[in-house]
Amino acid sequence: MSVPIASLPLAQRPRERLLMLGPHALSDGELLALLLGQGTRGRSALEVAAQLIGDYGGLAELASARPEELAARVGIGPAKAATVVAAFHLGTRSRTPTDSLPQLSTPEDIAAVAIPLFAGARVERL
C-alpha cells in the first residue's frame, strides 16, 4: 500500500529535505518527485518517479524521452511530461554558457560538439 508524502514525517519529505539539506541530499527519485508534484490514485509522486526512472533505466535515458511518450504514461499526462522535459533541457542549457561557445570551423570541430549532444537520441534530429 502506498504512503502519501503528506503522511511522512517532515524530515522525510522531499521538499522539506531539499530546503533543509540542499538538492545534493536528495536522490534522483526524490528530485523527480518534486517535479511531478503529485502521484496518482494509490501511488505517491515518489513511487511514480521511481517507476519512471526504473522503466527508462536511469536519468540519462529518461532525459531522452519525448514529451508525447511520457504523456502517454499513466499518471503523467501532458503537463507533467512538459515539466520533466523542460527540467532536463534547462539542466543541459545551464551547463553551456553562451559566452563560451566554441568556434566551429572544421568538420572535426562540429563532430566534437555534436556527437555528445545527439549520442543518446532515439530519434533523428537536425
C-alpha atoms as a PDB file:
ATOM      1  CA  MET A   1       0.000   0.000   0.000  1.00  0.00           C
ATOM      2  CA  SER A   2       1.241   3.470  -0.883  1.00  0.00           C
ATOM      3  CA  VAL A   3       2.132   6.012   1.773  1.00  0.00           C
ATOM      4  CA  PRO A   4       1.204   9.565   0.734  1.00  0.00           C
ATOM      5  CA  ILE A   5       4.068  12.037   1.043  1.00  0.00           C
ATOM      6  CA  ALA A   6       1.906  14.205   3.312  1.00  0.00           C
ATOM      7  CA  SER A   7       1.824  11.294   5.778  1.00  0.00           C
ATOM      8  CA  LEU A   8       5.619  11.137   6.030  1.00  0.00           C
ATOM      9  CA  PRO A   9       7.409  12.920   8.855  1.00  0.00           C
ATOM     10  CA  LEU A  10       8.609  16.373   7.799  1.00  0.00           C
ATOM     11  CA  ALA A  11      12.257  15.281   7.832  1.00  0.00           C
ATOM     12  CA  GLN A  12      11.496  12.596   5.222  1.00  0.00           C
ATOM     13  CA  ARG A  13       9.505  14.688   2.740  1.00  0.00           C
ATOM     14  CA  PRO A  14      11.476  15.592  -0.407  1.00  0.00           C
ATOM     15  CA  ARG A  15      10.562  19.304  -0.472  1.00  0.00           C
ATOM     16  CA  GLU A  16      11.436  19.814   3.170  1.00  0.00           C
ATOM     17  CA  ARG A  17      14.661  17.797   2.828  1.00  0.00           C
ATOM     18  CA  LEU A  18      15.692  19.951  -0.134  1.00  0.00           C
ATOM     19  CA  LEU A  19      15.019  23.138   1.815  1.00  0.00           C
ATOM     20  CA  MET A  20      16.848  21.893   4.913  1.00  0.00           C
ATOM     21  CA  LEU A  21      19.748  19.984   3.358  1.00  0.00           C
ATOM     22  CA  GLY A  22      20.020  21.180  -0.231  1.00  0.00           C
ATOM     23  CA  PRO A  23      19.377  19.398  -3.536  1.00  0.00           C
ATOM     24  CA  HIS A  24      22.507  17.242  -3.277  1.00  0.00           C
ATOM     25  CA  ALA A  25      20.988  15.402  -0.302  1.00  0.00           C
ATOM     26  CA  LEU A  26      18.075  14.103  -2.395  1.00  0.00           C
ATOM     27  CA  SER A  27      18.017  11.010  -4.558  1.00  0.00           C
ATOM     28  CA  ASP A  28      17.194  11.210  -8.259  1.00  0.00           C
ATOM     29  CA  GLY A  29      13.750   9.844  -7.479  1.00  0.00           C
ATOM     30  CA  GLU A  30      13.095  12.499  -4.848  1.00  0.00           C
ATOM     31  CA  LEU A  31      14.124  15.298  -7.213  1.00  0.00           C
ATOM     32  CA  LEU A  32      11.907  13.893  -9.962  1.00  0.00           C
ATOM     33  CA  ALA A  33       9.029  13.508  -7.484  1.00  0.00           C
ATOM     34  CA  LEU A  34       9.303  17.225  -6.718  1.00  0.00           C
ATOM     35  CA  LEU A  35       8.922  17.985 -10.416  1.00  0.00           C
ATOM     36  CA  LEU A  36       5.924  15.679 -10.718  1.00  0.00           C
ATOM     37  CA  GLY A  37       4.277  17.354  -7.746  1.00  0.00           C
ATOM     38  CA  GLN A  38       1.786  14.603  -7.026  1.00  0.00           C
ATOM     39  CA  GLY A  39       1.288  10.966  -7.775  1.00  0.00           C
ATOM     40  CA  THR A  40      -1.755   9.064  -8.882  1.00  0.00           C
ATOM     41  CA  ARG A  41      -4.521   7.308  -7.037  1.00  0.00           C
ATOM     42  CA  GLY A  42      -2.755   4.707  -4.909  1.00  0.00           C
ATOM     43  CA  ARG A  43       0.800   5.798  -5.841  1.00  0.00           C
ATOM     44  CA  SER A  44       2.763   8.685  -4.375  1.00  0.00           C
ATOM     45  CA  ALA A  45       4.899  11.001  -6.504  1.00  0.00           C
ATOM     46  CA  LEU A  46       7.940   9.178  -5.082  1.00  0.00           C
ATOM     47  CA  GLU A  47       6.613   5.870  -6.388  1.00  0.00           C
ATOM     48  CA  VAL A  48       5.722   7.308  -9.797  1.00  0.00           C
ATOM     49  CA  ALA A  49       9.200   8.861 -10.041  1.00  0.00           C
ATOM     50  CA  ALA A  50      10.940   5.620  -9.054  1.00  0.00           C
ATOM     51  CA  GLN A  51       8.864   3.722 -11.619  1.00  0.00           C
ATOM     52  CA  LEU A  52       9.775   6.188 -14.374  1.00  0.00           C
ATOM     53  CA  ILE A  53      13.493   6.039 -13.604  1.00  0.00           C
ATOM     54  CA  GLY A  54      13.369   2.255 -13.388  1.00  0.00           C
ATOM     55  CA  ASP A  55      11.408   1.836 -16.611  1.00  0.00           C
ATOM     56  CA  TYR A  56      13.836   4.013 -18.539  1.00  0.00           C
ATOM     57  CA  GLY A  57      16.943   2.547 -16.898  1.00  0.00           C
ATOM     58  CA  GLY A  58      18.201   5.812 -15.409  1.00  0.00           C
ATOM     59  CA  LEU A  59      18.123   9.565 -15.711  1.00  0.00           C
ATOM     60  CA  ALA A  60      20.155   9.743 -18.927  1.00  0.00           C
ATOM     61  CA  GLU A  61      17.633   7.547 -20.713  1.00  0.00           C
ATOM     62  CA  LEU A  62      14.692   9.393 -19.151  1.00  0.00           C
ATOM     63  CA  ALA A  63      16.198  12.683 -20.329  1.00  0.00           C
ATOM     64  CA  SER A  64      15.988  11.473 -23.930  1.00  0.00           C
ATOM     65  CA  ALA A  65      12.287  10.579 -23.660  1.00  0.00           C
ATOM     66  CA  ARG A  66       9.938  12.516 -25.900  1.00  0.00           C
ATOM     67  CA  PRO A  67       7.121  14.517 -24.267  1.00  0.00           C
ATOM     68  CA  GLU A  68       4.367  12.553 -26.018  1.00  0.00           C
ATOM     69  CA  GLU A  69       5.974   9.300 -24.872  1.00  0.00           C
ATOM     70  CA  LEU A  70       5.956  10.463 -21.242  1.00  0.00           C
ATOM     71  CA  ALA A  71       2.458  11.941 -21.514  1.00  0.00           C
ATOM     72  CA  ALA A  72       1.073   8.563 -22.572  1.00  0.00           C
ATOM     73  CA  ARG A  73       2.108   7.001 -19.261  1.00  0.00           C
ATOM     74  CA  VAL A  74      -0.499   6.552 -16.539  1.00  0.00           C
ATOM     75  CA  GLY A  75      -0.243   9.372 -14.039  1.00  0.00           C
ATOM     76  CA  ILE A  76       1.966  11.646 -16.135  1.00  0.00           C
ATOM     77  CA  GLY A  77      -0.104  13.410 -18.777  1.00  0.00           C
ATOM     78  CA  PRO A  78       0.953  16.369 -20.933  1.00  0.00           C
ATOM     79  CA  ALA A  79       1.560  18.900 -18.131  1.00  0.00           C
ATOM     80  CA  LYS A  80       3.892  16.684 -16.104  1.00  0.00           C
ATOM     81  CA  ALA A  81       5.609  15.435 -19.258  1.00  0.00           C
ATOM     82  CA  ALA A  82       6.299  19.027 -20.302  1.00  0.00           C
ATOM     83  CA  THR A  83       7.663  19.829 -16.843  1.00  0.00           C
ATOM     84  CA  VAL A  84      10.044  16.864 -16.867  1.00  0.00           C
ATOM     85  CA  VAL A  85      11.295  17.553 -20.397  1.00  0.00           C
ATOM     86  CA  ALA A  86      11.728  21.265 -19.623  1.00  0.00           C
ATOM     87  CA  ALA A  87      13.723  20.479 -16.473  1.00  0.00           C
ATOM     88  CA  PHE A  88      16.145  18.245 -18.369  1.00  0.00           C
ATOM     89  CA  HIS A  89      16.609  20.880 -21.065  1.00  0.00           C
ATOM     90  CA  LEU A  90      17.192  23.634 -18.523  1.00  0.00           C
ATOM     91  CA  GLY A  91      19.846  21.457 -16.915  1.00  0.00           C
ATOM     92  CA  THR A  92      21.520  20.957 -20.279  1.00  0.00           C
ATOM     93  CA  ARG A  93      21.410  24.658 -21.109  1.00  0.00           C
ATOM     94  CA  SER A  94      22.835  25.619 -17.734  1.00  0.00           C
ATOM     95  CA  ARG A  95      25.968  23.611 -18.488  1.00  0.00           C
ATOM     96  CA  THR A  96      26.603  25.501 -21.729  1.00  0.00           C
ATOM     97  CA  PRO A  97      27.289  29.190 -21.076  1.00  0.00           C
ATOM     98  CA  THR A  98      26.556  31.162 -24.233  1.00  0.00           C
ATOM     99  CA  ASP A  99      29.586  33.427 -23.795  1.00  0.00           C
ATOM    100  CA  SER A 100      31.965  30.481 -24.098  1.00  0.00           C
ATOM    101  CA  LEU A 101      30.553  28.730 -27.152  1.00  0.00           C
ATOM    102  CA  PRO A 102      33.242  27.090 -29.284  1.00  0.00           C
ATOM    103  CA  GLN A 103      34.179  28.338 -32.724  1.00  0.00           C
ATOM    104  CA  LEU A 104      33.239  25.732 -35.324  1.00  0.00           C
ATOM    105  CA  SER A 105      35.441  25.992 -38.379  1.00  0.00           C
ATOM    106  CA  THR A 106      36.141  22.388 -39.398  1.00  0.00           C
ATOM    107  CA  PRO A 107      34.080  19.208 -39.635  1.00  0.00           C
ATOM    108  CA  GLU A 108      36.078  17.830 -36.705  1.00  0.00           C
ATOM    109  CA  ASP A 109      35.069  20.828 -34.553  1.00  0.00           C
ATOM    110  CA  ILE A 110      31.422  20.221 -35.392  1.00  0.00           C
ATOM    111  CA  ALA A 111      31.706  16.487 -34.645  1.00  0.00           C
ATOM    112  CA  ALA A 112      33.324  17.162 -31.257  1.00  0.00           C
ATOM    113  CA  VAL A 113      30.348  19.315 -30.255  1.00  0.00           C
ATOM    114  CA  ALA A 114      27.545  17.400 -31.978  1.00  0.00           C
ATOM    115  CA  ILE A 115      28.348  13.810 -31.022  1.00  0.00           C
ATOM    116  CA  PRO A 116      27.754  14.276 -27.261  1.00  0.00           C
ATOM    117  CA  LEU A 117      24.532  16.210 -27.943  1.00  0.00           C
ATOM    118  CA  PHE A 118      22.989  13.536 -30.150  1.00  0.00           C
ATOM    119  CA  ALA A 119      24.555  10.339 -28.792  1.00  0.00           C
ATOM    120  CA  GLY A 120      21.577   9.342 -26.618  1.00  0.00           C
ATOM    121  CA  ALA A 121      18.848  10.384 -29.041  1.00  0.00           C
ATOM    122  CA  ARG A 122      16.400   7.684 -30.036  1.00  0.00           C
ATOM    123  CA  VAL A 123      15.073   9.650 -32.994  1.00  0.00           C
ATOM    124  CA  GLU A 124      16.934  11.506 -35.692  1.00  0.00           C
ATOM    125  CA  ARG A 125      17.326  15.237 -35.029  1.00  0.00           C
ATOM    126  CA  LEU A 126      18.790  18.032 -37.106  1.00  0.00           C
END
